[in-house]
Amino acid sequence: MYIGIAFVLALVLGAAYEYTDNLTVPAVIHGTYNAVQFAGAYLTATGGL
């Protein structure tokens, strides 16, 4: 499952870079993805809001 998610994320980040020719855009997308993952893990560990 993780390999599939990582592959799709790589495609999205690569396409974002190719489309914008700017490394900042995929970096922001990656940071947002990581923040959403962290928030989900935090909510799961603490029992929600």
Foldseek 3Di string as FASTA:
>chain_A
DVVVVVVVLVVVLVVVCVVVVDNVVSVVVVVVVVVVVVVVVVCVVVVHD
